[in-house]
Amino acid sequence: MFPIQINQANYTQRLKVFLQSEEIKAYTMAILSFFAISFFAVFAIKPTLTTFFSLRRQIQDYEEFDKQLEDKINMLLKAQEQYQLYKNNTFLLSQALPTEPQFTYLIKKIEKISEETKTELSRLEINEVDFINSPDKTKSTEDLSNTKLQSENRDYQSFGFQTEINGSYQDSETFLKRLMNTRRIISLLSLKMGKGDLETGGEKIIIEVEGETYFLKK
């Protein structure tokens, strides 16, 4: 085998010609551009894109928060409109749910309704009120805990009453309607009806009513 002899002058000349060709220049520029883009993507474009998407997310969050705030403001404005509309009737709230038991007021109210409906009020009893919310001692430990928890979570207290009236069916019906339509909140727990003595002009009936009313805690 004969060693290959490379003429340094010819090699250099051919290399210059090779590098000066348009095709090689195009490849060289493409490679350099690729490396330049990769460099900027890693060290410049990526942080910029990260910041862009982060800011975009923050803008979306702020827009959502702004919408929620606007909805709350609109609700407050509507509530204010309703208050202005009914502010002259706010005293009805204290009558519906007073801050005191007002036993005397309830008794007088029932007596007045009975008098105006021409019914005979034969019995009226008011139950005792437990102002310290002590539960029934006959209940189990679990029932005591549940009763105490329910009592602590409520902002109001209640007491019951029982009344008995005698009168015609129409007058007794009017009495019940008037009682349930009083401004004070009253819940009807039980209602018993029976026949009374015969009278001129119709038959007398007896109605026993058990109800419950409420007042706010102090």
N, C-alpha and C. Protein backbone atom coordinates (compact mmCIF):
# COMPACT_ATOMS: atom_id res chain seq x y z
N MET A 1 0.84 -1.20 0.00
CA MET A 1 0.00 0.00 0.00
C MET A 1 0.87 1.24 0.00
N PHE A 2 0.38 2.23 -0.71
CA PHE A 2 1.13 3.48 -0.80
C PHE A 2 0.46 4.53 0.06
N PRO A 3 1.20 5.23 0.81
CA PRO A 3 0.61 6.29 1.66
C PRO A 3 0.00 7.37 0.79
N ILE A 4 -1.18 7.92 1.31
CA ILE A 4 -1.88 8.99 0.59
C ILE A 4 -1.20 10.29 0.90
N GLN A 5 -0.85 10.98 -0.12
CA GLN A 5 -0.19 12.28 0.00
C GLN A 5 -1.22 13.37 -0.22
N ILE A 6 -1.40 14.22 0.79
CA ILE A 6 -2.36 15.33 0.72
C ILE A 6 -1.58 16.61 0.59
N ASN A 7 -1.88 17.31 -0.46
CA ASN A 7 -1.24 18.59 -0.71
C ASN A 7 -1.97 19.64 0.12
N GLN A 8 -1.19 20.22 1.04
CA GLN A 8 -1.78 21.20 1.97
C GLN A 8 -2.35 22.38 1.23
N ALA A 9 -1.70 22.83 0.22
CA ALA A 9 -2.17 24.01 -0.53
C ALA A 9 -3.46 23.69 -1.26
N ASN A 10 -3.50 22.51 -1.92
CA ASN A 10 -4.73 22.12 -2.62
C ASN A 10 -5.90 21.92 -1.65
N TYR A 11 -5.63 21.33 -0.45
CA TYR A 11 -6.68 21.09 0.56
C TYR A 11 -7.28 22.39 1.04
N THR A 12 -6.41 23.35 1.32
CA THR A 12 -6.88 24.65 1.81
C THR A 12 -7.69 25.36 0.75
N GLN A 13 -7.27 25.28 -0.47
CA GLN A 13 -7.98 25.95 -1.55
C GLN A 13 -9.34 25.31 -1.77
N ARG A 14 -9.36 23.99 -1.75
CA ARG A 14 -10.63 23.29 -1.97
C ARG A 14 -11.61 23.55 -0.80
N LEU A 15 -11.05 23.67 0.43
CA LEU A 15 -11.90 23.94 1.60
C LEU A 15 -12.53 25.32 1.50
N LYS A 16 -11.73 26.30 1.01
CA LYS A 16 -12.26 27.65 0.85
C LYS A 16 -13.38 27.67 -0.18
N VAL A 17 -13.15 26.94 -1.26
CA VAL A 17 -14.18 26.89 -2.30
C VAL A 17 -15.46 26.22 -1.76
N PHE A 18 -15.23 25.17 -0.97
CA PHE A 18 -16.36 24.44 -0.40
C PHE A 18 -17.19 25.31 0.54
N LEU A 19 -16.46 26.06 1.42
CA LEU A 19 -17.16 26.91 2.40
C LEU A 19 -17.82 28.10 1.75
N GLN A 20 -17.35 28.53 0.60
CA GLN A 20 -17.91 29.70 -0.05
C GLN A 20 -19.12 29.35 -0.93
N SER A 21 -19.45 28.09 -1.02
CA SER A 21 -20.60 27.72 -1.85
C SER A 21 -21.90 28.18 -1.17
N GLU A 22 -22.93 28.50 -1.95
CA GLU A 22 -24.20 29.01 -1.43
C GLU A 22 -24.93 27.97 -0.58
N GLU A 23 -24.83 26.75 -0.95
CA GLU A 23 -25.52 25.69 -0.21
C GLU A 23 -24.96 25.55 1.20
N ILE A 24 -23.62 25.60 1.31
CA ILE A 24 -22.98 25.47 2.63
C ILE A 24 -23.31 26.68 3.49
N LYS A 25 -23.31 27.87 2.86
CA LYS A 25 -23.67 29.07 3.61
C LYS A 25 -25.09 28.98 4.17
N ALA A 26 -25.99 28.42 3.35
CA ALA A 26 -27.38 28.30 3.80
C ALA A 26 -27.49 27.34 4.98
N TYR A 27 -26.78 26.19 4.86
CA TYR A 27 -26.79 25.22 5.97
C TYR A 27 -26.19 25.82 7.24
N THR A 28 -25.10 26.57 7.03
CA THR A 28 -24.43 27.17 8.19
C THR A 28 -25.33 28.17 8.90
N MET A 29 -26.03 29.01 8.12
CA MET A 29 -26.93 29.99 8.70
C MET A 29 -28.11 29.31 9.41
N ALA A 30 -28.59 28.22 8.82
CA ALA A 30 -29.70 27.49 9.44
C ALA A 30 -29.29 26.91 10.78
N ILE A 31 -28.07 26.32 10.81
CA ILE A 31 -27.59 25.73 12.06
C ILE A 31 -27.39 26.80 13.12
N LEU A 32 -26.76 27.92 12.72
CA LEU A 32 -26.54 29.01 13.67
C LEU A 32 -27.87 29.59 14.18
N SER A 33 -28.84 29.70 13.27
CA SER A 33 -30.15 30.21 13.68
C SER A 33 -30.83 29.26 14.66
N PHE A 34 -30.68 27.94 14.40
CA PHE A 34 -31.28 26.96 15.31
C PHE A 34 -30.69 27.08 16.71
N PHE A 35 -29.36 27.19 16.78
CA PHE A 35 -28.71 27.32 18.08
C PHE A 35 -29.09 28.65 18.75
N ALA A 36 -29.25 29.70 17.96
CA ALA A 36 -29.63 31.00 18.53
C ALA A 36 -31.04 30.94 19.10
N ILE A 37 -31.95 30.29 18.35
CA ILE A 37 -33.34 30.16 18.82
C ILE A 37 -33.39 29.31 20.08
N SER A 38 -32.62 28.23 20.10
CA SER A 38 -32.59 27.36 21.28
C SER A 38 -32.07 28.13 22.49
N PHE A 39 -31.05 28.94 22.26
CA PHE A 39 -30.47 29.71 23.36
C PHE A 39 -31.51 30.69 23.95
N PHE A 40 -32.15 31.43 23.05
CA PHE A 40 -33.13 32.41 23.53
C PHE A 40 -34.36 31.74 24.12
N ALA A 41 -34.73 30.58 23.60
CA ALA A 41 -35.88 29.87 24.15
C ALA A 41 -35.63 29.45 25.59
N VAL A 42 -34.43 29.03 25.87
CA VAL A 42 -34.09 28.56 27.21
C VAL A 42 -33.88 29.72 28.17
N PHE A 43 -33.14 30.73 27.74
CA PHE A 43 -32.73 31.79 28.65
C PHE A 43 -33.56 33.07 28.57
N ALA A 44 -34.38 33.22 27.55
CA ALA A 44 -35.14 34.47 27.42
C ALA A 44 -36.63 34.23 27.21
N ILE A 45 -36.97 33.41 26.20
CA ILE A 45 -38.37 33.24 25.86
C ILE A 45 -39.13 32.46 26.92
N LYS A 46 -38.55 31.39 27.46
CA LYS A 46 -39.24 30.57 28.44
C LYS A 46 -39.65 31.36 29.68
N PRO A 47 -38.75 32.13 30.32
CA PRO A 47 -39.20 32.94 31.46
C PRO A 47 -40.29 33.94 31.08
N THR A 48 -40.16 34.50 29.87
CA THR A 48 -41.18 35.46 29.43
C THR A 48 -42.53 34.79 29.28
N LEU A 49 -42.55 33.59 28.67
CA LEU A 49 -43.80 32.86 28.52
C LEU A 49 -44.37 32.46 29.87
N THR A 50 -43.50 32.04 30.79
CA THR A 50 -43.96 31.68 32.13
C THR A 50 -44.62 32.87 32.82
N THR A 51 -43.98 34.03 32.72
CA THR A 51 -44.55 35.25 33.30
C THR A 51 -45.86 35.61 32.63
N PHE A 52 -45.94 35.45 31.32
CA PHE A 52 -47.14 35.79 30.57
C PHE A 52 -48.33 34.95 31.02
N PHE A 53 -48.14 33.63 31.10
CA PHE A 53 -49.24 32.76 31.51
C PHE A 53 -49.62 32.99 32.97
N SER A 54 -48.63 33.30 33.80
CA SER A 54 -48.92 33.61 35.21
C SER A 54 -49.76 34.87 35.32
N LEU A 55 -49.39 35.91 34.58
CA LEU A 55 -50.16 37.15 34.60
C LEU A 55 -51.56 36.94 34.01
N ARG A 56 -51.64 36.11 33.00
CA ARG A 56 -52.95 35.84 32.39
C ARG A 56 -53.86 35.15 33.40
N ARG A 57 -53.32 34.22 34.16
CA ARG A 57 -54.09 33.53 35.19
C ARG A 57 -54.53 34.51 36.28
N GLN A 58 -53.64 35.39 36.68
CA GLN A 58 -53.99 36.38 37.69
C GLN A 58 -55.09 37.31 37.19
N ILE A 59 -55.00 37.69 35.92
CA ILE A 59 -56.05 38.56 35.34
C ILE A 59 -57.40 37.85 35.37
N GLN A 60 -57.43 36.56 35.02
CA GLN A 60 -58.67 35.80 35.06
C GLN A 60 -59.22 35.71 36.48
N ASP A 61 -58.32 35.49 37.47
CA ASP A 61 -58.75 35.44 38.86
C ASP A 61 -59.33 36.77 39.31
N TYR A 62 -58.66 37.86 38.93
CA TYR A 62 -59.15 39.19 39.30
C TYR A 62 -60.48 39.50 38.63
N GLU A 63 -60.65 39.07 37.38
CA GLU A 63 -61.93 39.28 36.69
C GLU A 63 -63.05 38.51 37.38
N GLU A 64 -62.76 37.28 37.79
CA GLU A 64 -63.77 36.48 38.50
C GLU A 64 -64.10 37.11 39.85
N PHE A 65 -63.06 37.55 40.57
CA PHE A 65 -63.28 38.21 41.86
C PHE A 65 -64.08 39.50 41.68
N ASP A 66 -63.78 40.24 40.63
CA ASP A 66 -64.49 41.49 40.36
C ASP A 66 -65.96 41.20 40.07
N LYS A 67 -66.25 40.12 39.36
CA LYS A 67 -67.63 39.76 39.07
C LYS A 67 -68.36 39.38 40.35
N GLN A 68 -67.71 38.61 41.21
CA GLN A 68 -68.33 38.23 42.48
C GLN A 68 -68.60 39.46 43.34
N LEU A 69 -67.63 40.38 43.36
CA LEU A 69 -67.80 41.61 44.13
C LEU A 69 -68.95 42.44 43.57
N GLU A 70 -69.04 42.49 42.25
CA GLU A 70 -70.13 43.25 41.62
C GLU A 70 -71.49 42.63 41.95
N ASP A 71 -71.56 41.29 41.97
CA ASP A 71 -72.81 40.61 42.32
C ASP A 71 -73.20 40.93 43.75
N LYS A 72 -72.22 40.94 44.67
CA LYS A 72 -72.52 41.25 46.07
C LYS A 72 -72.99 42.69 46.22
N ILE A 73 -72.36 43.59 45.49
CA ILE A 73 -72.78 45.00 45.54
C ILE A 73 -74.21 45.14 45.05
N ASN A 74 -74.54 44.44 43.97
CA ASN A 74 -75.91 44.49 43.45
C ASN A 74 -76.90 43.93 44.45
N MET A 75 -76.51 42.86 45.16
CA MET A 75 -77.39 42.28 46.18
C MET A 75 -77.60 43.26 47.32
N LEU A 76 -76.52 43.95 47.73
CA LEU A 76 -76.64 44.94 48.79
C LEU A 76 -77.53 46.10 48.37
N LEU A 77 -77.40 46.52 47.11
CA LEU A 77 -78.24 47.60 46.61
C LEU A 77 -79.71 47.19 46.60
N LYS A 78 -79.98 45.95 46.19
CA LYS A 78 -81.35 45.46 46.20
C LYS A 78 -81.88 45.37 47.63
N ALA A 79 -81.01 44.90 48.55
CA ALA A 79 -81.43 44.82 49.96
C ALA A 79 -81.73 46.20 50.52
N GLN A 80 -80.92 47.19 50.13
CA GLN A 80 -81.16 48.55 50.58
C GLN A 80 -82.47 49.09 50.02
N GLU A 81 -82.76 48.76 48.76
CA GLU A 81 -84.03 49.18 48.16
C GLU A 81 -85.20 48.56 48.91
N GLN A 82 -85.08 47.28 49.25
CA GLN A 82 -86.15 46.62 49.99
C GLN A 82 -86.31 47.24 51.38
N TYR A 83 -85.18 47.55 52.02
CA TYR A 83 -85.24 48.16 53.34
C TYR A 83 -85.92 49.52 53.28
N GLN A 84 -85.55 50.34 52.28
CA GLN A 84 -86.18 51.65 52.13
C GLN A 84 -87.68 51.51 51.87
N LEU A 85 -88.05 50.43 51.18
CA LEU A 85 -89.45 50.22 50.86
C LEU A 85 -90.27 49.83 52.09
N TYR A 86 -89.64 49.04 52.98
CA TYR A 86 -90.38 48.52 54.12
C TYR A 86 -89.89 49.04 55.47
N LYS A 87 -89.04 50.05 55.47
CA LYS A 87 -88.45 50.51 56.73
C LYS A 87 -89.50 51.03 57.70
N ASN A 88 -90.61 51.56 57.18
CA ASN A 88 -91.66 52.06 58.06
C ASN A 88 -92.44 50.93 58.73
N ASN A 89 -92.22 49.69 58.27
CA ASN A 89 -92.93 48.55 58.85
C ASN A 89 -92.03 47.64 59.66
N THR A 90 -90.81 48.12 59.96
CA THR A 90 -89.87 47.26 60.70
C THR A 90 -90.35 46.98 62.12
N PHE A 91 -91.24 47.83 62.65
CA PHE A 91 -91.75 47.59 64.00
C PHE A 91 -92.55 46.29 64.06
N LEU A 92 -93.04 45.82 62.89
CA LEU A 92 -93.79 44.57 62.86
C LEU A 92 -92.92 43.38 63.23
N LEU A 93 -91.61 43.49 62.98
CA LEU A 93 -90.70 42.40 63.32
C LEU A 93 -90.67 42.18 64.82
N SER A 94 -90.60 43.27 65.58
CA SER A 94 -90.55 43.16 67.04
C SER A 94 -91.88 42.64 67.59
N GLN A 95 -92.98 42.89 66.86
CA GLN A 95 -94.26 42.36 67.30
C GLN A 95 -94.38 40.87 66.97
N ALA A 96 -93.80 40.47 65.84
CA ALA A 96 -93.86 39.06 65.44
C ALA A 96 -92.94 38.20 66.31
N LEU A 97 -91.76 38.75 66.64
CA LEU A 97 -90.79 38.01 67.45
C LEU A 97 -90.20 38.97 68.47
N PRO A 98 -90.88 39.19 69.60
CA PRO A 98 -90.42 40.17 70.59
C PRO A 98 -89.17 39.69 71.32
N THR A 99 -88.56 40.62 72.04
CA THR A 99 -87.36 40.29 72.82
C THR A 99 -87.70 39.87 74.24
N GLU A 100 -88.99 39.89 74.60
CA GLU A 100 -89.47 39.45 75.91
C GLU A 100 -90.60 38.43 75.70
N PRO A 101 -90.86 37.59 76.69
CA PRO A 101 -91.96 36.62 76.54
C PRO A 101 -93.32 37.28 76.34
N GLN A 102 -93.55 38.40 77.03
CA GLN A 102 -94.80 39.16 76.92
C GLN A 102 -96.02 38.26 77.14
N PHE A 103 -96.03 37.61 78.32
CA PHE A 103 -97.15 36.74 78.67
C PHE A 103 -98.46 37.53 78.73
N THR A 104 -98.39 38.70 79.39
CA THR A 104 -99.61 39.50 79.58
C THR A 104 -100.21 39.91 78.26
N TYR A 105 -99.35 40.30 77.31
CA TYR A 105 -99.84 40.72 75.99
C TYR A 105 -100.57 39.57 75.31
N LEU A 106 -99.99 38.36 75.38
CA LEU A 106 -100.61 37.20 74.73
C LEU A 106 -101.96 36.88 75.37
N ILE A 107 -102.03 36.93 76.71
CA ILE A 107 -103.28 36.63 77.42
C ILE A 107 -104.36 37.64 77.02
N LYS A 108 -104.00 38.93 77.05
CA LYS A 108 -104.98 39.96 76.70
C LYS A 108 -105.42 39.84 75.24
N LYS A 109 -104.50 39.45 74.37
CA LYS A 109 -104.84 39.30 72.96
C LYS A 109 -105.84 38.17 72.76
N ILE A 110 -105.62 37.04 73.42
CA ILE A 110 -106.55 35.91 73.29
C ILE A 110 -107.90 36.27 73.88
N GLU A 111 -107.91 36.96 75.03
CA GLU A 111 -109.17 37.38 75.65
C GLU A 111 -109.93 38.34 74.73
N LYS A 112 -109.21 39.25 74.08
CA LYS A 112 -109.85 40.21 73.18
C LYS A 112 -110.44 39.52 71.96
N ILE A 113 -109.70 38.56 71.39
CA ILE A 113 -110.21 37.82 70.23
C ILE A 113 -111.46 37.04 70.61
N SER A 114 -111.45 36.43 71.82
CA SER A 114 -112.62 35.69 72.27
C SER A 114 -113.82 36.61 72.44
N GLU A 115 -113.59 37.79 72.99
CA GLU A 115 -114.68 38.74 73.19
C GLU A 115 -115.24 39.23 71.86
N GLU A 116 -114.35 39.54 70.91
CA GLU A 116 -114.81 40.07 69.62
C GLU A 116 -115.49 39.02 68.76
N THR A 117 -115.15 37.75 68.95
CA THR A 117 -115.78 36.68 68.16
C THR A 117 -116.97 36.05 68.88
N LYS A 118 -117.32 36.60 70.05
CA LYS A 118 -118.48 36.14 70.82
C LYS A 118 -118.37 34.68 71.22
N THR A 119 -117.15 34.26 71.56
CA THR A 119 -116.92 32.92 72.08
C THR A 119 -116.61 33.02 73.57
N GLU A 120 -116.90 31.97 74.28
CA GLU A 120 -116.66 31.94 75.73
C GLU A 120 -115.29 31.32 76.01
N LEU A 121 -114.43 32.07 76.65
CA LEU A 121 -113.10 31.57 76.98
C LEU A 121 -113.17 30.89 78.34
N SER A 122 -113.20 29.57 78.33
CA SER A 122 -113.38 28.82 79.57
C SER A 122 -112.06 28.43 80.23
N ARG A 123 -110.96 28.44 79.49
CA ARG A 123 -109.66 28.08 80.08
C ARG A 123 -108.53 28.70 79.27
N LEU A 124 -107.52 29.20 79.98
CA LEU A 124 -106.33 29.74 79.33
C LEU A 124 -105.13 29.54 80.26
N GLU A 125 -104.18 28.73 79.83
CA GLU A 125 -103.00 28.42 80.64
C GLU A 125 -101.73 28.72 79.84
N ILE A 126 -100.74 29.24 80.55
CA ILE A 126 -99.43 29.51 79.95
C ILE A 126 -98.40 28.60 80.59
N ASN A 127 -97.63 27.91 79.79
CA ASN A 127 -96.60 27.01 80.32
C ASN A 127 -95.43 27.81 80.91
N GLU A 128 -94.70 27.14 81.77
CA GLU A 128 -93.51 27.75 82.34
C GLU A 128 -92.43 27.91 81.27
N VAL A 129 -91.60 28.90 81.45
CA VAL A 129 -90.50 29.17 80.51
C VAL A 129 -89.19 28.92 81.20
N ASP A 130 -88.34 28.11 80.57
CA ASP A 130 -87.01 27.82 81.10
C ASP A 130 -86.03 28.82 80.51
N PHE A 131 -85.71 29.88 81.26
CA PHE A 131 -84.85 30.93 80.74
C PHE A 131 -83.37 30.51 80.68
N ILE A 132 -83.00 29.46 81.38
CA ILE A 132 -81.60 29.03 81.37
C ILE A 132 -81.40 27.82 80.45
N ASN A 133 -82.46 27.44 79.71
CA ASN A 133 -82.35 26.38 78.70
C ASN A 133 -81.92 25.04 79.30
N SER A 134 -82.33 24.73 80.50
CA SER A 134 -81.96 23.44 81.09
C SER A 134 -82.82 22.35 80.48
N PRO A 135 -82.23 21.25 79.97
CA PRO A 135 -82.99 20.19 79.33
C PRO A 135 -83.74 19.33 80.34
N ASP A 136 -84.64 18.52 79.84
CA ASP A 136 -85.44 17.63 80.68
C ASP A 136 -84.54 16.59 81.33
N LYS A 137 -84.66 16.45 82.66
CA LYS A 137 -83.79 15.53 83.40
C LYS A 137 -84.14 14.07 83.14
N THR A 138 -85.33 13.80 82.61
CA THR A 138 -85.72 12.41 82.37
C THR A 138 -85.14 11.87 81.07
N LYS A 139 -84.50 12.72 80.27
CA LYS A 139 -83.95 12.27 79.00
C LYS A 139 -82.62 11.56 79.21
N SER A 140 -82.23 10.76 78.22
CA SER A 140 -80.96 10.07 78.26
C SER A 140 -79.82 11.05 78.07
N THR A 141 -78.58 10.57 78.30
CA THR A 141 -77.41 11.42 78.14
C THR A 141 -77.28 11.92 76.71
N GLU A 142 -77.55 11.04 75.73
CA GLU A 142 -77.46 11.44 74.32
C GLU A 142 -78.52 12.48 73.99
N ASP A 143 -79.75 12.27 74.50
CA ASP A 143 -80.82 13.24 74.26
C ASP A 143 -80.50 14.57 74.90
N LEU A 144 -79.88 14.54 76.09
CA LEU A 144 -79.51 15.78 76.77
C LEU A 144 -78.51 16.56 75.95
N SER A 145 -77.52 15.86 75.37
CA SER A 145 -76.50 16.53 74.57
C SER A 145 -77.12 17.15 73.32
N ASN A 146 -78.01 16.39 72.66
CA ASN A 146 -78.65 16.91 71.45
C ASN A 146 -79.53 18.11 71.77
N THR A 147 -80.28 18.03 72.89
CA THR A 147 -81.16 19.14 73.28
C THR A 147 -80.34 20.37 73.61
N LYS A 148 -79.23 20.19 74.32
CA LYS A 148 -78.39 21.32 74.70
C LYS A 148 -77.77 21.96 73.45
N LEU A 149 -77.32 21.12 72.51
CA LEU A 149 -76.71 21.64 71.29
C LEU A 149 -77.72 22.42 70.47
N GLN A 150 -78.94 21.87 70.33
CA GLN A 150 -79.98 22.57 69.58
C GLN A 150 -80.34 23.88 70.25
N SER A 151 -80.41 23.88 71.58
CA SER A 151 -80.77 25.09 72.31
C SER A 151 -79.71 26.16 72.17
N GLU A 152 -78.43 25.76 72.18
CA GLU A 152 -77.35 26.72 72.05
C GLU A 152 -77.30 27.32 70.65
N ASN A 153 -77.72 26.54 69.64
CA ASN A 153 -77.65 27.01 68.27
C ASN A 153 -78.82 27.90 67.90
N ARG A 154 -79.89 27.90 68.71
CA ARG A 154 -81.05 28.71 68.41
C ARG A 154 -80.89 30.11 69.00
N ASP A 155 -81.44 31.10 68.29
CA ASP A 155 -81.40 32.49 68.76
C ASP A 155 -82.71 32.89 69.42
N TYR A 156 -83.59 31.94 69.64
CA TYR A 156 -84.89 32.26 70.22
C TYR A 156 -85.30 31.19 71.23
N GLN A 157 -86.28 31.54 72.05
CA GLN A 157 -86.88 30.61 72.98
C GLN A 157 -88.37 30.56 72.71
N SER A 158 -89.04 29.62 73.33
CA SER A 158 -90.47 29.46 73.10
C SER A 158 -91.17 29.02 74.38
N PHE A 159 -92.46 29.21 74.41
CA PHE A 159 -93.27 28.67 75.49
C PHE A 159 -94.64 28.32 74.93
N GLY A 160 -95.28 27.36 75.55
CA GLY A 160 -96.56 26.88 75.08
C GLY A 160 -97.72 27.45 75.87
N PHE A 161 -98.90 27.30 75.31
CA PHE A 161 -100.12 27.73 75.99
C PHE A 161 -101.26 26.82 75.56
N GLN A 162 -102.30 26.74 76.42
CA GLN A 162 -103.50 25.97 76.12
C GLN A 162 -104.71 26.84 76.41
N THR A 163 -105.69 26.76 75.55
CA THR A 163 -106.92 27.52 75.74
C THR A 163 -108.11 26.69 75.28
N GLU A 164 -109.25 26.99 75.87
CA GLU A 164 -110.48 26.29 75.54
C GLU A 164 -111.58 27.32 75.36
N ILE A 165 -112.33 27.21 74.26
CA ILE A 165 -113.41 28.15 73.99
C ILE A 165 -114.70 27.38 73.71
N ASN A 166 -115.83 28.05 73.97
CA ASN A 166 -117.15 27.52 73.67
C ASN A 166 -117.87 28.52 72.79
N GLY A 167 -118.57 28.03 71.80
CA GLY A 167 -119.31 28.92 70.93
C GLY A 167 -119.86 28.18 69.73
N SER A 168 -120.50 28.91 68.85
CA SER A 168 -121.02 28.31 67.63
C SER A 168 -119.85 27.93 66.72
N TYR A 169 -120.16 27.09 65.73
CA TYR A 169 -119.11 26.65 64.81
C TYR A 169 -118.51 27.84 64.06
N GLN A 170 -119.35 28.75 63.60
CA GLN A 170 -118.88 29.88 62.83
C GLN A 170 -118.03 30.81 63.70
N ASP A 171 -118.49 31.09 64.93
CA ASP A 171 -117.72 31.97 65.82
C ASP A 171 -116.39 31.32 66.23
N SER A 172 -116.41 30.02 66.46
CA SER A 172 -115.18 29.32 66.84
C SER A 172 -114.18 29.30 65.69
N GLU A 173 -114.70 29.13 64.49
CA GLU A 173 -113.83 29.16 63.32
C GLU A 173 -113.19 30.54 63.16
N THR A 174 -113.98 31.59 63.38
CA THR A 174 -113.45 32.95 63.31
C THR A 174 -112.39 33.18 64.38
N PHE A 175 -112.62 32.64 65.58
CA PHE A 175 -111.64 32.75 66.66
C PHE A 175 -110.30 32.15 66.25
N LEU A 176 -110.33 30.95 65.68
CA LEU A 176 -109.09 30.28 65.27
C LEU A 176 -108.36 31.07 64.18
N LYS A 177 -109.12 31.59 63.20
CA LYS A 177 -108.50 32.36 62.14
C LYS A 177 -107.85 33.62 62.70
N ARG A 178 -108.54 34.30 63.60
CA ARG A 178 -108.00 35.53 64.19
C ARG A 178 -106.75 35.21 65.02
N LEU A 179 -106.79 34.09 65.73
CA LEU A 179 -105.64 33.71 66.56
C LEU A 179 -104.41 33.42 65.71
N MET A 180 -104.59 32.71 64.60
CA MET A 180 -103.46 32.35 63.75
C MET A 180 -102.98 33.52 62.89
N ASN A 181 -103.80 34.56 62.77
CA ASN A 181 -103.42 35.72 61.96
C ASN A 181 -102.93 36.89 62.79
N THR A 182 -102.68 36.67 64.08
CA THR A 182 -102.12 37.74 64.90
C THR A 182 -100.71 38.05 64.42
N ARG A 183 -100.25 39.25 64.73
CA ARG A 183 -98.91 39.64 64.29
C ARG A 183 -97.82 38.81 64.96
N ARG A 184 -98.07 38.36 66.16
CA ARG A 184 -97.08 37.52 66.84
C ARG A 184 -97.11 36.12 66.24
N ILE A 185 -95.93 35.54 66.06
CA ILE A 185 -95.83 34.20 65.47
C ILE A 185 -96.35 33.17 66.46
N ILE A 186 -97.32 32.39 66.02
CA ILE A 186 -97.91 31.34 66.85
C ILE A 186 -97.97 30.06 66.03
N SER A 187 -97.52 28.97 66.62
CA SER A 187 -97.61 27.65 65.98
C SER A 187 -98.71 26.85 66.65
N LEU A 188 -99.57 26.26 65.86
CA LEU A 188 -100.66 25.44 66.38
C LEU A 188 -100.16 24.00 66.51
N LEU A 189 -100.11 23.51 67.75
CA LEU A 189 -99.58 22.17 68.01
C LEU A 189 -100.67 21.10 67.98
N SER A 190 -101.84 21.41 68.53
CA SER A 190 -102.94 20.44 68.51
C SER A 190 -104.27 21.18 68.58
N LEU A 191 -105.30 20.53 68.07
CA LEU A 191 -106.64 21.11 68.06
C LEU A 191 -107.64 19.99 68.29
N LYS A 192 -108.45 20.15 69.32
CA LYS A 192 -109.49 19.17 69.63
C LYS A 192 -110.85 19.86 69.60
N MET A 193 -111.82 19.20 69.04
CA MET A 193 -113.15 19.78 68.89
C MET A 193 -114.19 18.78 69.36
N GLY A 194 -115.16 19.27 70.13
CA GLY A 194 -116.24 18.41 70.63
C GLY A 194 -117.54 19.17 70.71
N LYS A 195 -118.61 18.46 70.87
CA LYS A 195 -119.94 19.07 70.96
C LYS A 195 -120.19 19.58 72.37
N GLY A 196 -120.89 20.71 72.43
CA GLY A 196 -121.29 21.27 73.71
C GLY A 196 -122.78 21.15 73.92
N ASP A 197 -123.33 22.04 74.73
CA ASP A 197 -124.76 22.02 75.03
C ASP A 197 -125.54 22.65 73.89
N LEU A 198 -126.76 22.17 73.66
CA LEU A 198 -127.63 22.74 72.65
C LEU A 198 -128.17 24.08 73.11
N GLU A 199 -128.18 25.05 72.24
CA GLU A 199 -128.68 26.37 72.57
C GLU A 199 -129.64 26.82 71.48
N THR A 200 -130.35 27.86 71.74
CA THR A 200 -131.28 28.40 70.75
C THR A 200 -130.52 28.94 69.56
N GLY A 201 -130.90 28.51 68.39
CA GLY A 201 -130.28 29.04 67.18
C GLY A 201 -129.10 28.23 66.70
N GLY A 202 -128.79 27.13 67.31
CA GLY A 202 -127.68 26.33 66.82
C GLY A 202 -127.06 25.46 67.89
N GLU A 203 -126.00 24.76 67.54
CA GLU A 203 -125.33 23.84 68.44
C GLU A 203 -124.01 24.42 68.90
N LYS A 204 -123.74 24.36 70.16
CA LYS A 204 -122.51 24.88 70.75
C LYS A 204 -121.40 23.83 70.66
N ILE A 205 -120.19 24.27 70.31
CA ILE A 205 -119.06 23.34 70.25
C ILE A 205 -117.95 23.82 71.18
N ILE A 206 -117.13 22.88 71.60
CA ILE A 206 -115.99 23.16 72.47
C ILE A 206 -114.70 22.89 71.69
N ILE A 207 -113.79 23.84 71.72
CA ILE A 207 -112.51 23.69 71.00
C ILE A 207 -111.37 23.88 71.99
N GLU A 208 -110.48 22.88 72.03
CA GLU A 208 -109.27 22.96 72.85
C GLU A 208 -108.09 23.20 71.92
N VAL A 209 -107.33 24.24 72.21
CA VAL A 209 -106.19 24.62 71.36
C VAL A 209 -104.91 24.57 72.19
N GLU A 210 -103.91 23.92 71.62
CA GLU A 210 -102.57 23.94 72.21
C GLU A 210 -101.63 24.58 71.20
N GLY A 211 -100.95 25.64 71.62
CA GLY A 211 -100.08 26.37 70.70
C GLY A 211 -98.74 26.70 71.33
N GLU A 212 -97.90 27.32 70.52
CA GLU A 212 -96.55 27.70 70.97
C GLU A 212 -96.20 29.03 70.32
N THR A 213 -95.56 29.90 71.09
CA THR A 213 -95.11 31.17 70.56
C THR A 213 -93.66 31.40 70.95
N TYR A 214 -93.02 32.42 70.38
CA TYR A 214 -91.56 32.54 70.47
C TYR A 214 -91.15 33.96 70.84
N PHE A 215 -89.92 34.07 71.36
CA PHE A 215 -89.33 35.37 71.62
C PHE A 215 -87.80 35.24 71.52
N LEU A 216 -87.14 36.34 71.23
CA LEU A 216 -85.70 36.31 71.01
C LEU A 216 -84.94 36.19 72.31
N LYS A 217 -83.78 35.55 72.23
CA LYS A 217 -82.89 35.51 73.39
C LYS A 217 -82.20 36.85 73.56
N LYS A 218 -81.86 37.18 74.79
CA LYS A 218 -81.11 38.41 75.04
C LYS A 218 -79.62 38.11 74.91
